Amino acid sequence: MGAEAPPPSLFNVKVQEPELIAPEVPTESQVYFLTNLDQNIAVIVQTVYFFEANPEKAGDDPVKTIRDALRKVLVHYYPLAGRLGISPEGKLNVHCNDEGVIFVAAEADTVVSSLGDIAKPDNTRLGKLVYQVPGARNILEMPPVTAQVTKFECGGFVLGLAMNHCMFDGIGAMEFVNAWAETARGVPITTPPVIDRSILKARVPPQINYPHSEFLQIEDLSQKQDLLLGEDLVFKSFCFSPETLENLKKIAMEDGELERCTTFEALSGLVWRSRSKAMGMLPEQQTKLLFAVDGRNRISPPLPKGYMGNGILLTYALTTAEELTQKPLSSAVKKVQEAIGLIKDDYIRSAVDYFEVTRARPSLTATLLITTWSRLAFYATDFGWGEPTHSGPVSLPEREVVLFLSHGKARKSINVLLGLSPKAMEDFDQLMQPYV
């Protein structure tokens, strides 16, 4: 890929004046409802899409193409051109007023190859490719979406997006970006959005039929604050090839306790178990695993194809560190499977009603939150310059978060990225070696 990456401080981006891109045709002014599943994940997610120069598009400007397509696609995705507000009940909603998506054009003083390993999230470098709203103190002062197109000296360019998770989950975001790209290519949108979210309204009166321990506040019993709460995190990624993933599934099933096992279940069980060991949790310490499950086809009736909002549910597994680390891998994997099995229609409805009554937020004390990007087809995004050479998140995970990212040209490998204290990372590395 060329020269060795320079220090991030030597990489500069010149940003032009931001523009507000409204839908091409005025849309209906209204207050747009966000469900309780949307309320709970109202955080900004930053992503980047890298595109190489295309000789066949030498006379075309990606900035103009992407900007013009945005105007058109916002006619279908008009809530994205609105602004977040607060309802009388204290919930987030969207004022659909066509104020517009913030769009900026930018130029980098280098070539893409000089950025080094762009597959590893790194806010110091990649953060320069996503527009930050100056002076914004909270999400109410940020639009639901901002877009930045940065052109590089090599002819390549990067689309950087900052999108509020309350507007859509990974599947919905993928469908939006791909619809935007199809619009840029002048082809019909494959999956038109379904804007109405009322199918996920809370019941009246609310019916809470499950304990919902995903929100449980666990007492931290650890005396090793340097391991659990230390500031000196070391970030490292561990690559699992298709072969090592198949082998991991065989290891998880070798004691006969599991009838079946998916890649996600085996990998999640391994990472949860190994991280808890590496962190030196006390035997009696409760530990929780959180991850999202797509509930689109698990609710009755199923959410319509193209549903724009959040169709994911956080599910959980809960045990003690002793049980997790001393029992075989199959035990941890089984807990992951049981967590997935929770997500059925009645549980989803109960979770929606639980938030209606409690306004609870998931607690992350002694918890591991796994975020999976490996199943999202962002790589299919083609604005006319071909598919991106890389797409993914900008930021490294928080201390409680592990990222699963697809890796390699075939995208069949999975990179596991996490941050731990130096000693815990050393131990985690040793625990990973038999598997990677």
Foldseek 3Di string as FASTA:
>chain_A
DDDEADPLVVKDKAKDDKDFQFAPDDDDWDKADFFLVLQQQFDKFKKKFKFAAFPVCVVPDPLVLLSVLVNHLCNLVQQLQFAWDADPVGTIITGRDRVGAIEIEMEMAAAPVNNPPPQDFDCSRCVNQADDDPPDPDRRSHGQKHWYWYAYPNNMIMIMMIGTQSFAHLQLVLLSLQCSLCSSVVHHRPFRADRDPCVQHADVVHDADDPPCLQPDFDQPDPPCCWQPNPQKDKDKDKFFLVLLVVLQCQLCVVPPDPGADSVLSVVLLLLLLLLVLSVGDQQGKAKEKEKDQLQVQAVPGPDGNHNGYRIDIWMFMDGNNVSHVDGSNVSSVSVVVRNVQRHHVNSNNVSNVCVPVVGHRDQRNYAYEYEPLVRVSQCRHNPSHGGPDMDTNHADDQRYWYWHQDDPVSRMTMIMHITHPSSVVSSVVSCVVRD
